[in-house]
């Protein structure tokens, strides 16, 4: 049987995660709202999901319809996740950090039947809806639901012709179980948008089956446990918010701690107060936490492991956590696949590596013609797994570029599984460990030699005056392109001083020929460095 055929059959348990978990462990705490101190058991979460599902039905949401949300992390988003699963509807969380033009495009693509917005972002969403007014006349306007910014009943004040309905007041009292929808593993459940750093964001379609496979892969490959507790560092508009730990934890009956904002001091307090056992964050967050005034006095003894994702983690950050007896390993994922694709083997001693493919992941490194390269050579990383996304919503051209159908002469089972082109350059070392060498689009050629910015950045970041570094190519009459180092740190650093420091660490052609400083790196998504913004600002000769 081809690998995806099983996903076309409807099962009663598909979409019933909150109900199943509430039956198995009704009294266990599944969610803690750190901002209000309220704890929600799995029985509470299922009751709330039933209420939300009934509200969405009253608003006309049916199977296959989209429910968009624009909000910070809060319990109502978890309610919507479970409720849309019950209805066979699709949750489309959109970033509250996007510009109106980007929100307009995503709302036009998703065509939500209902739109839930937290009060601080109502004005931006109204502007986006206003931009889309002409196109929206061809379809029904979504039902508009508002969330107060605080738990004090603060109401949304908006234009009189925009019919916002308070979410809490509209919730029905009936929290009884709903009749099961005939949902299959192949049916979509999440639309998660890409970062949009090189253009408008795209909506990645994730099915019930892909989400469940990622949860299973994460639990087994990372060794997650039912008694685990994690402070959630990723926003719910990001795949990290749902798929890195939240949904895997819900499968286990573990505990997720959320807050509307992620601040280093608050994160340390949550680890200590709730005895956090697992932490996954982007490198910048791990660095900010290690630099916080409360770092040395916070009890971190409950942490079993910490993972860094969303970019290379500097050696200085890894060392800072190691000094507190906490090992930091590097993960790797993307919205289009997983995102939990790699794991660190027992006895792991390669902090610069992302590890080895997880139990249900195939990986390969290929050249520009798609041929697999031998170990040690750098090429594009491709992934294949049942937890890969299906496609980009309404974007056939981009889908064809990223989601390639494998046809390598193998069995029919293998032909049906897509290889996802990540756009990242990687190599496999002699022991089978994978190393990310940078984005395919950020590699540049200087004097006929390939330069991979992450290697250069790691070397620069080891300088005591450097907190963070990004290397971008700039034109050069002699060499074609050379590197410019954009540095966050002590601006007394000179290019000559850096050159001396890099002597013996980097080949001469890799060393930057220019130096620039920023107060802080521009970010996108969950505190990830926005490399495109850096290149746009600094990618020219001075």
Protein backbone atom coordinates (compact mmCIF):
# COMPACT_ATOMS: atom_id res chain seq x y z
CA UNK A 1 0.00 0.00 0.00
CA UNK A 2 1.46 3.45 -0.87
CA UNK A 3 2.50 5.35 2.21
CA UNK A 4 -0.16 8.06 2.00
CA UNK A 5 -3.16 5.93 1.07
CA UNK A 6 -3.96 5.20 4.71
CA UNK A 7 -4.47 8.92 5.20
CA UNK A 8 -7.51 8.96 2.91
CA UNK A 9 -9.58 6.81 5.26
CA UNK A 10 -11.67 8.57 7.91
CA UNK A 11 -11.05 7.53 11.51
CA UNK A 12 -13.04 8.67 14.52
CA UNK A 13 -9.88 9.49 16.47
CA UNK A 14 -8.53 11.96 13.91
CA UNK A 15 -9.17 15.38 15.37
CA UNK A 16 -10.03 13.96 18.79
CA UNK A 17 -6.72 14.66 20.54
CA UNK A 18 -8.15 16.78 23.35
CA UNK A 19 -10.96 14.28 23.96
CA UNK A 20 -8.59 11.28 23.98
CA UNK A 21 -6.11 12.97 26.27
CA UNK A 22 -8.89 14.13 28.61
CA UNK A 23 -10.10 10.54 28.83
CA UNK A 24 -6.63 9.19 29.59
CA UNK A 25 -5.38 11.89 31.98
CA UNK A 26 -8.25 14.24 32.84
CA UNK A 27 -6.61 15.68 35.95
CA UNK A 28 -3.13 16.31 34.56
CA UNK A 29 -2.25 19.93 33.86
CA UNK A 30 -1.76 20.41 30.13
CA UNK A 31 -1.45 24.18 29.93
CA UNK A 32 -0.34 26.94 32.28
CA UNK A 33 -0.95 30.59 31.47
CA UNK A 34 2.06 32.22 33.13
CA UNK A 35 0.53 35.70 32.77
CA UNK A 36 -2.59 34.90 34.79
CA UNK A 37 -1.37 31.92 36.81
CA UNK A 38 -4.33 29.82 35.64
CA UNK A 39 -3.70 26.10 35.14
CA UNK A 40 -5.81 24.05 32.74
CA UNK A 41 -6.17 20.30 33.07
CA UNK A 42 -6.74 18.18 30.00
CA UNK A 43 -10.38 17.86 31.04
CA UNK A 44 -10.58 21.67 31.12
CA UNK A 45 -8.98 21.95 27.69
CA UNK A 46 -11.42 19.49 26.15
CA UNK A 47 -14.43 21.27 27.64
CA UNK A 48 -13.15 24.59 26.34
CA UNK A 49 -12.51 23.03 22.92
CA UNK A 50 -16.11 21.77 22.78
CA UNK A 51 -17.41 25.24 23.62
CA UNK A 52 -15.20 26.84 20.98
CA UNK A 53 -16.20 24.26 18.37
CA UNK A 54 -19.88 24.99 19.04
CA UNK A 55 -19.25 28.73 18.71
CA UNK A 56 -17.45 28.25 15.40
CA UNK A 57 -20.34 26.14 14.14
CA UNK A 58 -22.80 28.88 15.12
CA UNK A 59 -20.69 31.28 13.06
CA UNK A 60 -21.00 29.01 10.03
CA UNK A 61 -17.59 27.30 10.15
CA UNK A 62 -17.74 23.92 8.45
CA UNK A 63 -15.30 21.18 7.56
CA UNK A 64 -12.52 22.53 5.37
CA UNK A 65 -13.17 26.16 6.35
CA UNK A 66 -10.33 28.27 7.69
CA UNK A 67 -10.25 29.97 11.07
CA UNK A 68 -7.56 32.68 11.18
CA UNK A 69 -6.15 34.08 14.41
CA UNK A 70 -3.95 37.11 15.04
CA UNK A 71 -2.86 37.01 18.64
CA UNK A 72 -0.04 36.47 21.06
CA UNK A 73 0.20 33.11 22.85
CA UNK A 74 -2.83 32.60 25.06
CA UNK A 75 -5.20 29.73 25.99
CA UNK A 76 -7.81 30.70 23.41
CA UNK A 77 -5.44 29.71 20.61
CA UNK A 78 -5.15 26.23 22.10
CA UNK A 79 -8.96 26.15 22.28
CA UNK A 80 -9.08 27.00 18.57
CA UNK A 81 -6.48 24.35 17.73
CA UNK A 82 -8.48 21.57 19.37
CA UNK A 83 -11.84 22.96 18.17
CA UNK A 84 -10.87 23.17 14.50
CA UNK A 85 -9.52 19.63 14.76
CA UNK A 86 -12.90 18.43 16.02
CA UNK A 87 -14.73 20.20 13.18
CA UNK A 88 -12.37 19.25 10.40
CA UNK A 89 -11.71 22.96 9.93
CA UNK A 90 -8.26 24.51 9.44
CA UNK A 91 -6.49 26.81 11.87
CA UNK A 92 -4.46 29.58 10.21
CA UNK A 93 -2.47 31.48 12.85
CA UNK A 94 -1.07 34.71 11.39
CA UNK A 95 1.77 36.77 12.80
CA UNK A 96 0.76 39.92 14.67
CA UNK A 97 4.15 41.31 13.59
CA UNK A 98 3.30 41.39 9.88
CA UNK A 99 2.66 44.59 7.99
CA UNK A 100 -0.85 45.30 6.74
CA UNK A 101 0.15 44.44 3.14
CA UNK A 102 1.36 41.00 4.26
CA UNK A 103 -1.74 40.38 6.36
CA UNK A 104 -3.91 41.43 3.42
CA UNK A 105 -2.24 38.87 1.15
CA UNK A 106 -2.48 36.05 3.69
CA UNK A 107 -6.11 36.77 4.55
CA UNK A 108 -6.95 36.87 0.85
CA UNK A 109 -5.24 33.50 0.35
CA UNK A 110 -6.71 31.80 3.40
CA UNK A 111 -10.24 33.25 2.96
CA UNK A 112 -11.14 32.54 6.59
CA UNK A 113 -14.73 31.91 7.60
CA UNK A 114 -13.91 33.29 11.04
CA UNK A 115 -11.19 35.65 12.26
CA UNK A 116 -10.13 35.89 15.92
CA UNK A 117 -8.00 38.92 16.81
CA UNK A 118 -6.44 40.09 20.07
CA UNK A 119 -7.29 43.70 20.86
CA UNK A 120 -3.83 45.28 20.32
CA UNK A 121 -3.83 44.07 16.71
CA UNK A 122 -7.37 44.98 15.72
CA UNK A 123 -6.35 48.22 14.00
CA UNK A 124 -3.74 46.46 11.83
CA UNK A 125 -6.22 43.74 10.89
CA UNK A 126 -8.90 46.31 10.07
CA UNK A 127 -6.39 48.06 7.80
CA UNK A 128 -5.63 44.73 6.12
CA UNK A 129 -9.34 44.01 5.67
CA UNK A 130 -9.82 47.49 4.28
CA UNK A 131 -7.05 46.90 1.71
CA UNK A 132 -8.80 43.68 0.74
CA UNK A 133 -12.27 45.24 0.55
CA UNK A 134 -12.57 45.17 -3.26
CA UNK A 135 -11.49 41.53 -3.48
CA UNK A 136 -13.60 40.63 -0.45
CA UNK A 137 -16.79 41.71 -2.21
CA UNK A 138 -16.50 38.50 -4.20
CA UNK A 139 -16.77 36.38 -1.05
CA UNK A 140 -18.34 36.57 2.36
CA UNK A 141 -16.58 38.64 5.00
CA UNK A 142 -15.32 36.47 7.87
CA UNK A 143 -17.06 36.46 11.22
CA UNK A 144 -14.98 38.76 13.43
CA UNK A 145 -14.19 37.78 17.02
CA UNK A 146 -12.18 39.89 19.44
CA UNK A 147 -10.10 39.00 22.49
CA UNK A 148 -9.42 41.51 25.28
CA UNK A 149 -5.77 42.40 25.67
CA UNK A 150 -5.97 41.73 29.39
CA UNK A 151 -8.13 39.58 31.58
CA UNK A 152 -10.04 42.63 32.82
CA UNK A 153 -12.74 42.64 30.18
CA UNK A 154 -11.15 45.37 28.07
CA UNK A 155 -13.29 45.83 24.98
CA UNK A 156 -12.22 46.39 21.40
CA UNK A 157 -13.01 49.87 20.13
CA UNK A 158 -13.16 49.89 16.37
CA UNK A 159 -15.00 51.41 13.46
CA UNK A 160 -18.77 51.22 13.86
CA UNK A 161 -19.21 49.39 10.56
CA UNK A 162 -16.91 46.53 11.66
CA UNK A 163 -18.98 43.98 13.60
CA UNK A 164 -16.49 42.64 16.18
CA UNK A 165 -18.01 40.11 18.57
CA UNK A 166 -16.40 39.49 22.00
CA UNK A 167 -15.14 35.91 21.94
CA UNK A 168 -15.73 35.23 25.62
CA UNK A 169 -19.30 36.53 25.59
CA UNK A 170 -20.19 34.50 22.52
CA UNK A 171 -18.97 31.16 23.93
CA UNK A 172 -21.93 28.84 24.57
CA UNK A 173 -22.30 27.18 27.97
CA UNK A 174 -22.66 23.74 26.36
CA UNK A 175 -19.32 21.93 26.75
CA UNK A 176 -20.62 18.44 26.01
CA UNK A 177 -18.85 16.25 23.42
CA UNK A 178 -19.54 16.86 19.74
CA UNK A 179 -20.42 14.25 17.16
CA UNK A 180 -17.30 13.04 15.32
CA UNK A 181 -16.59 14.41 11.87
CA UNK A 182 -15.36 11.99 9.21
CA UNK A 183 -11.85 13.42 9.08
CA UNK A 184 -8.89 11.63 7.51
CA UNK A 185 -5.19 11.83 8.23
CA UNK A 186 -4.76 13.48 4.84
CA UNK A 187 -7.11 16.34 5.67
CA UNK A 188 -5.39 19.66 6.42
CA UNK A 189 -5.43 21.03 9.94
CA UNK A 190 -2.87 23.87 10.01
CA UNK A 191 -1.93 26.62 7.59
CA UNK A 192 1.43 27.90 8.84
CA UNK A 193 3.03 30.77 6.97
CA UNK A 194 6.68 31.11 6.10
CA UNK A 195 8.76 34.02 7.34
CA UNK A 196 8.48 36.02 4.13
CA UNK A 197 12.03 37.40 4.42
CA UNK A 198 12.54 37.04 0.66
CA UNK A 199 9.03 37.97 -0.43
CA UNK A 200 5.44 37.66 0.75
CA UNK A 201 4.85 34.78 3.18
CA UNK A 202 3.46 31.52 1.81
CA UNK A 203 0.95 29.27 3.58
CA UNK A 204 2.24 25.74 4.18
CA UNK A 205 -0.49 23.11 4.39
CA UNK A 206 -0.01 20.63 7.25
CA UNK A 207 -2.29 17.62 7.51
CA UNK A 208 -3.54 15.82 10.60
CA UNK A 209 -1.27 12.94 9.68
CA UNK A 210 1.85 15.08 9.24
CA UNK A 211 1.29 16.79 12.59
CA UNK A 212 0.81 13.44 14.34
CA UNK A 213 3.92 11.97 12.68
CA UNK A 214 6.00 14.93 13.82
CA UNK A 215 4.72 14.45 17.37
CA UNK A 216 5.56 10.74 17.29
CA UNK A 217 8.97 11.40 15.77
CA UNK A 218 9.76 14.05 18.39
CA UNK A 219 8.65 11.91 21.34
CA UNK A 220 10.66 8.89 20.23
CA UNK A 221 13.76 10.64 18.87
CA UNK A 222 14.13 13.19 21.66
CA UNK A 223 13.01 10.96 24.54
CA UNK A 224 10.15 13.16 25.74
CA UNK A 225 8.25 12.04 28.87
CA UNK A 226 4.75 12.55 30.28
CA UNK A 227 6.16 14.40 33.30
CA UNK A 228 8.01 16.94 31.13
CA UNK A 229 7.33 20.66 31.50
CA UNK A 230 8.36 23.29 28.95
CA UNK A 231 8.13 27.07 28.83
CA UNK A 232 7.03 27.82 25.27
CA UNK A 233 9.45 30.27 23.62
CA UNK A 234 7.95 30.21 20.13
CA UNK A 235 4.85 32.14 19.02
CA UNK A 236 1.80 30.19 17.94
CA UNK A 237 1.95 31.74 14.47
CA UNK A 238 5.20 29.80 13.97
CA UNK A 239 5.61 26.07 13.40
CA UNK A 240 7.80 26.08 16.52
CA UNK A 241 4.84 27.20 18.59
CA UNK A 242 2.80 24.12 17.72
CA UNK A 243 5.09 21.43 16.38
CA UNK A 244 8.37 21.73 18.27
CA UNK A 245 6.91 20.81 21.64
CA UNK A 246 3.27 21.85 22.20
CA UNK A 247 1.52 19.16 20.15
CA UNK A 248 4.06 16.44 21.05
CA UNK A 249 3.53 17.35 24.73
CA UNK A 250 -0.25 17.17 24.30
CA UNK A 251 0.15 13.68 22.84
CA UNK A 252 2.02 12.63 25.96
CA UNK A 253 -0.05 14.47 28.53
CA UNK A 254 2.86 16.74 29.46
CA UNK A 255 2.69 20.42 30.47
CA UNK A 256 3.21 23.54 28.34
CA UNK A 257 3.70 26.97 29.93
CA UNK A 258 2.74 29.95 27.76
CA UNK A 259 3.01 33.72 28.06
CA UNK A 260 2.12 36.58 25.78
CA UNK A 261 5.70 37.85 25.66
CA UNK A 262 8.98 35.94 26.05
CA UNK A 263 11.35 37.90 28.29
CA UNK A 264 14.61 36.38 29.57
CA UNK A 265 13.89 37.09 33.23
CA UNK A 266 10.37 35.69 32.97
CA UNK A 267 11.70 32.60 31.21
CA UNK A 268 14.17 31.93 34.00
CA UNK A 269 11.40 32.41 36.57
CA UNK A 270 9.15 29.94 34.72
CA UNK A 271 11.89 27.29 34.60
CA UNK A 272 12.40 27.57 38.35
CA UNK A 273 8.74 27.99 39.39
CA UNK A 274 7.40 25.15 37.26
CA UNK A 275 10.49 22.90 37.34
CA UNK A 276 10.94 23.09 33.58
CA UNK A 277 12.57 19.98 32.14
CA UNK A 278 12.88 20.77 28.42
CA UNK A 279 13.63 24.07 26.72
CA UNK A 280 13.82 24.81 23.00
CA UNK A 281 14.58 28.34 21.83
CA UNK A 282 16.33 30.31 19.13
CA UNK A 283 20.00 31.18 19.78
CA UNK A 284 19.24 34.83 20.57
CA UNK A 285 16.86 33.88 23.38
CA UNK A 286 19.39 31.44 24.85
CA UNK A 287 22.03 34.20 24.76
CA UNK A 288 19.73 36.81 26.36
CA UNK A 289 18.81 34.36 29.12
CA UNK A 290 22.48 33.59 29.86
CA UNK A 291 23.24 37.33 30.04
CA UNK A 292 20.35 38.16 32.39
CA UNK A 293 20.99 39.36 35.92
CA UNK A 294 19.03 36.41 37.33
CA UNK A 295 21.07 33.83 35.42
CA UNK A 296 23.48 32.80 38.18
CA UNK A 297 20.90 32.63 40.97
CA UNK A 298 18.21 30.72 39.03
CA UNK A 299 17.88 27.01 39.78
CA UNK A 300 18.27 25.17 36.46
CA UNK A 301 18.68 21.70 37.96
CA UNK A 302 15.30 20.50 36.67
CA UNK A 303 16.33 20.92 33.00
CA UNK A 304 16.99 17.60 31.25
CA UNK A 305 18.08 19.19 27.98
CA UNK A 306 18.03 22.39 25.97
CA UNK A 307 17.85 22.65 22.20
CA UNK A 308 18.69 25.57 19.96
CA UNK A 309 16.92 26.04 16.64
CA UNK A 310 16.36 28.69 14.00
CA UNK A 311 20.02 29.36 13.23
CA UNK A 312 23.52 28.50 14.39
CA UNK A 313 24.12 28.72 18.13
CA UNK A 314 27.44 30.35 18.98
CA UNK A 315 30.04 28.42 20.95
CA UNK A 316 30.05 31.10 23.65
CA UNK A 317 26.34 30.53 24.29
CA UNK A 318 26.73 26.75 24.42
CA UNK A 319 29.63 27.19 26.85
CA UNK A 320 27.59 29.52 29.08
CA UNK A 321 24.88 26.88 29.50
CA UNK A 322 27.48 24.13 29.92
CA UNK A 323 28.94 26.15 32.81
CA UNK A 324 25.54 25.74 34.49
CA UNK A 325 25.66 21.97 33.81
CA UNK A 326 23.08 22.16 31.01
CA UNK A 327 23.90 20.68 27.60
CA UNK A 328 22.71 22.60 24.56
CA UNK A 329 22.31 20.70 21.29
CA UNK A 330 21.34 22.17 17.94
CA UNK A 331 18.17 21.19 16.13
CA UNK A 332 17.07 21.80 12.57
CA UNK A 333 13.67 22.25 11.00
CA UNK A 334 11.53 24.33 8.70
CA UNK A 335 7.85 25.05 8.28
CA UNK A 336 7.75 22.89 5.15
CA UNK A 337 8.97 19.76 6.94
CA UNK A 338 8.71 18.68 10.54
CA UNK A 339 10.13 20.76 12.03
CA UNK A 340 11.81 18.19 14.28
CA UNK A 341 13.99 16.34 11.79
CA UNK A 342 17.22 15.60 13.65
CA UNK A 343 18.26 14.20 17.00
CA UNK A 344 21.50 13.96 18.94
CA UNK A 345 22.81 10.41 19.46
CA UNK A 346 23.79 9.02 22.84
CA UNK A 347 27.27 10.18 23.79
CA UNK A 348 26.90 13.22 21.51
CA UNK A 349 30.03 15.36 21.52
CA UNK A 350 29.52 17.58 18.46
CA UNK A 351 27.75 20.78 19.52
CA UNK A 352 28.37 22.30 16.08
CA UNK A 353 26.36 19.51 14.41
CA UNK A 354 22.57 19.19 14.14
CA UNK A 355 22.92 15.46 14.80
CA UNK A 356 21.47 12.62 12.78
CA UNK A 357 18.06 12.17 11.12
CA UNK A 358 15.24 11.21 13.49
CA UNK A 359 13.53 7.84 13.45
CA UNK A 360 11.04 8.74 10.73
CA UNK A 361 13.16 11.06 8.60
CA UNK A 362 15.31 10.46 5.53
CA UNK A 363 17.92 13.07 4.66
CA UNK A 364 20.32 13.50 1.80
CA UNK A 365 22.72 16.12 0.46
CA UNK A 366 22.46 16.70 -3.30
CA UNK A 367 24.14 18.74 -6.03
CA UNK A 368 22.36 21.17 -8.36
CA UNK A 369 21.19 18.26 -10.53
CA UNK A 370 19.67 16.41 -7.59
CA UNK A 371 22.40 13.75 -7.37
CA UNK A 372 23.31 12.60 -3.87
CA UNK A 373 26.79 13.70 -2.85
CA UNK A 374 29.35 11.65 -0.91
CA UNK A 375 30.11 12.43 2.71
CA UNK A 376 32.14 15.56 3.28
CA UNK A 377 30.86 17.44 0.22
CA UNK A 378 28.55 20.43 0.56
CA UNK A 379 25.23 20.52 -1.24
CA UNK A 380 21.55 21.21 -0.67
CA UNK A 381 19.85 19.35 2.18
CA UNK A 382 16.71 17.47 1.20
CA UNK A 383 14.33 15.73 3.61
CA UNK A 384 11.65 13.10 3.24
CA UNK A 385 9.25 12.16 6.01
CA UNK A 386 5.55 11.49 6.60
CA UNK A 387 5.61 14.67 8.69
CA UNK A 388 6.41 16.87 5.69
CA UNK A 389 3.93 19.53 4.64
CA UNK A 390 1.68 18.79 1.71
CA UNK A 391 2.14 21.93 -0.39
CA UNK A 392 1.93 25.68 -0.43
CA UNK A 393 -1.69 26.77 -0.44
CA UNK A 394 -2.71 28.05 -3.88
CA UNK A 395 0.88 28.35 -5.08
CA UNK A 396 1.64 25.59 -7.58
CA UNK A 397 4.89 27.13 -8.82
CA UNK A 398 6.46 27.36 -5.36
CA UNK A 399 5.11 23.90 -4.49
CA UNK A 400 6.84 22.39 -7.51
CA UNK A 401 10.14 24.02 -6.51
CA UNK A 402 10.08 22.82 -2.90
CA UNK A 403 8.06 19.62 -2.74
CA UNK A 404 9.60 17.25 -5.27
CA UNK A 405 7.97 13.88 -5.83
CA UNK A 406 10.65 11.22 -5.53
CA UNK A 407 11.03 9.02 -8.60
CA UNK A 408 14.34 7.28 -8.08
CA UNK A 409 13.42 3.87 -9.40
CA UNK A 410 12.38 2.61 -5.97
CA UNK A 411 9.16 0.99 -4.91
CA UNK A 412 5.73 2.52 -5.36
CA UNK A 413 5.76 3.28 -1.63
CA UNK A 414 8.84 5.46 -1.97
CA UNK A 415 7.68 7.18 -5.15
CA UNK A 416 4.76 8.70 -3.29
CA UNK A 417 6.89 10.37 -0.63
CA UNK A 418 8.04 13.90 -1.50
CA UNK A 419 11.58 15.15 -1.02
CA UNK A 420 11.48 18.62 0.46
CA UNK A 421 14.14 20.97 -0.90
CA UNK A 422 15.20 22.98 2.14
CA UNK A 423 17.31 25.64 0.43
CA UNK A 424 19.97 25.01 3.08
CA UNK A 425 23.50 23.84 2.36
CA UNK A 426 24.78 20.94 4.43
CA UNK A 427 27.42 18.25 4.61
CA UNK A 428 27.60 14.87 6.31
CA UNK A 429 30.76 14.08 8.24
CA UNK A 430 32.51 10.70 8.40
CA UNK A 431 30.33 9.58 11.32
CA UNK A 432 27.05 10.46 9.63
CA UNK A 433 26.42 13.68 11.55
CA UNK A 434 24.87 16.54 9.59
CA UNK A 435 26.26 20.08 9.58
CA UNK A 436 24.45 23.13 8.20
CA UNK A 437 26.71 25.35 6.12
CA UNK A 438 24.26 28.16 5.41
CA UNK A 439 21.48 29.07 3.05
CA UNK A 440 21.97 28.22 -0.60
CA UNK A 441 21.16 31.83 -1.47
CA UNK A 442 23.63 33.29 1.04
CA UNK A 443 26.70 31.41 -0.20
CA UNK A 444 28.90 33.63 -2.33
CA UNK A 445 31.97 33.17 -4.50
CA UNK A 446 35.11 35.21 -3.81
CA UNK A 447 37.97 34.84 -6.28
CA UNK A 448 36.55 31.53 -7.49
CA UNK A 449 36.23 30.11 -3.94
CA UNK A 450 32.93 29.30 -2.24
CA UNK A 451 32.39 31.19 1.01
CA UNK A 452 29.79 29.93 3.48
CA UNK A 453 28.81 32.77 5.85
CA UNK A 454 28.00 30.63 8.95
CA UNK A 455 31.58 29.36 9.08
CA UNK A 456 32.91 32.91 8.95
CA UNK A 457 30.32 34.16 11.44
CA UNK A 458 31.20 31.46 13.95
CA UNK A 459 34.85 32.47 13.79
CA UNK A 460 34.05 36.17 14.18
CA UNK A 461 31.61 35.53 17.06
CA UNK A 462 34.46 33.97 19.05
CA UNK A 463 36.05 37.41 19.38
CA UNK A 464 35.44 38.80 22.90
CA UNK A 465 34.12 42.10 21.52
CA UNK A 466 31.47 40.38 19.35
CA UNK A 467 28.02 39.35 20.57
CA UNK A 468 26.58 38.43 17.17
CA UNK A 469 27.77 38.60 13.56
CA UNK A 470 26.25 38.29 10.11
CA UNK A 471 28.41 38.18 6.99
CA UNK A 472 26.95 39.43 3.69
CA UNK A 473 28.57 39.59 0.25
CA UNK A 474 29.45 42.94 -1.30
CA UNK A 475 30.75 43.61 -4.86
CA UNK A 476 34.51 43.78 -5.38
CA UNK A 477 36.32 44.76 -8.59
CA UNK A 478 39.15 42.29 -8.04
CA UNK A 479 37.50 39.26 -6.41
CA UNK A 480 33.94 39.59 -7.67
CA UNK A 481 32.53 39.46 -4.16
CA UNK A 482 33.98 39.74 -0.67
CA UNK A 483 32.45 39.53 2.76
CA UNK A 484 31.27 42.37 4.96
CA UNK A 485 30.93 41.55 8.66
CA UNK A 486 27.93 43.18 10.34
CA UNK A 487 28.58 43.03 14.06
CA UNK A 488 26.52 43.51 17.19
CA UNK A 489 28.91 44.23 20.04
CA UNK A 490 31.73 46.60 21.01
CA UNK A 491 32.12 49.10 18.16
CA UNK A 492 35.73 49.80 19.15
CA UNK A 493 36.62 46.65 17.22
CA UNK A 494 38.64 47.49 14.11
CA UNK A 495 38.96 45.55 10.87
CA UNK A 496 42.71 45.20 11.47
CA UNK A 497 42.07 43.81 14.96
CA UNK A 498 39.56 41.33 13.54
CA UNK A 499 41.97 40.35 10.77
CA UNK A 500 44.66 39.53 13.33
CA UNK A 501 42.19 37.53 15.39
CA UNK A 502 41.07 35.48 12.37
CA UNK A 503 44.63 34.71 11.27
CA UNK A 504 45.03 30.95 11.60
CA UNK A 505 41.27 30.50 12.10
CA UNK A 506 40.05 31.24 8.59
CA UNK A 507 41.57 31.13 5.12
CA UNK A 508 42.37 34.60 3.82
CA UNK A 509 39.68 34.54 1.09
CA UNK A 510 37.01 33.89 3.73
CA UNK A 511 37.92 36.83 5.94
CA UNK A 512 35.70 39.91 5.70
CA UNK A 513 37.11 42.99 3.96
CA UNK A 514 34.66 45.42 5.54
CA UNK A 515 33.16 45.89 9.00
CA UNK A 516 29.90 47.51 10.08
CA UNK A 517 28.08 47.73 13.40
CA UNK A 518 24.46 47.55 14.51
CA UNK A 519 22.96 48.17 17.93
CA UNK A 520 20.92 45.00 17.55
CA UNK A 521 20.28 42.60 14.71
CA UNK A 522 16.94 42.88 12.90
CA UNK A 523 14.75 39.89 13.60
CA UNK A 524 11.81 38.10 12.05
CA UNK A 525 9.58 35.39 13.44
CA UNK A 526 10.51 34.15 16.90
CA UNK A 527 13.60 36.35 17.42
CA UNK A 528 15.40 34.84 14.43
CA UNK A 529 17.95 37.08 12.76
CA UNK A 530 16.51 38.49 9.55
CA UNK A 531 19.47 37.93 7.24
CA UNK A 532 17.67 39.46 4.28
CA UNK A 533 17.15 42.70 6.18
CA UNK A 534 20.86 42.76 7.08
CA UNK A 535 21.85 42.19 3.45
CA UNK A 536 19.41 44.84 2.22
CA UNK A 537 20.93 47.37 4.62
CA UNK A 538 24.62 46.47 4.28
CA UNK A 539 25.08 44.60 1.00
CA UNK A 540 26.98 47.35 -0.79
CA UNK A 541 30.53 48.73 -0.62
CA UNK A 542 31.16 51.72 1.62
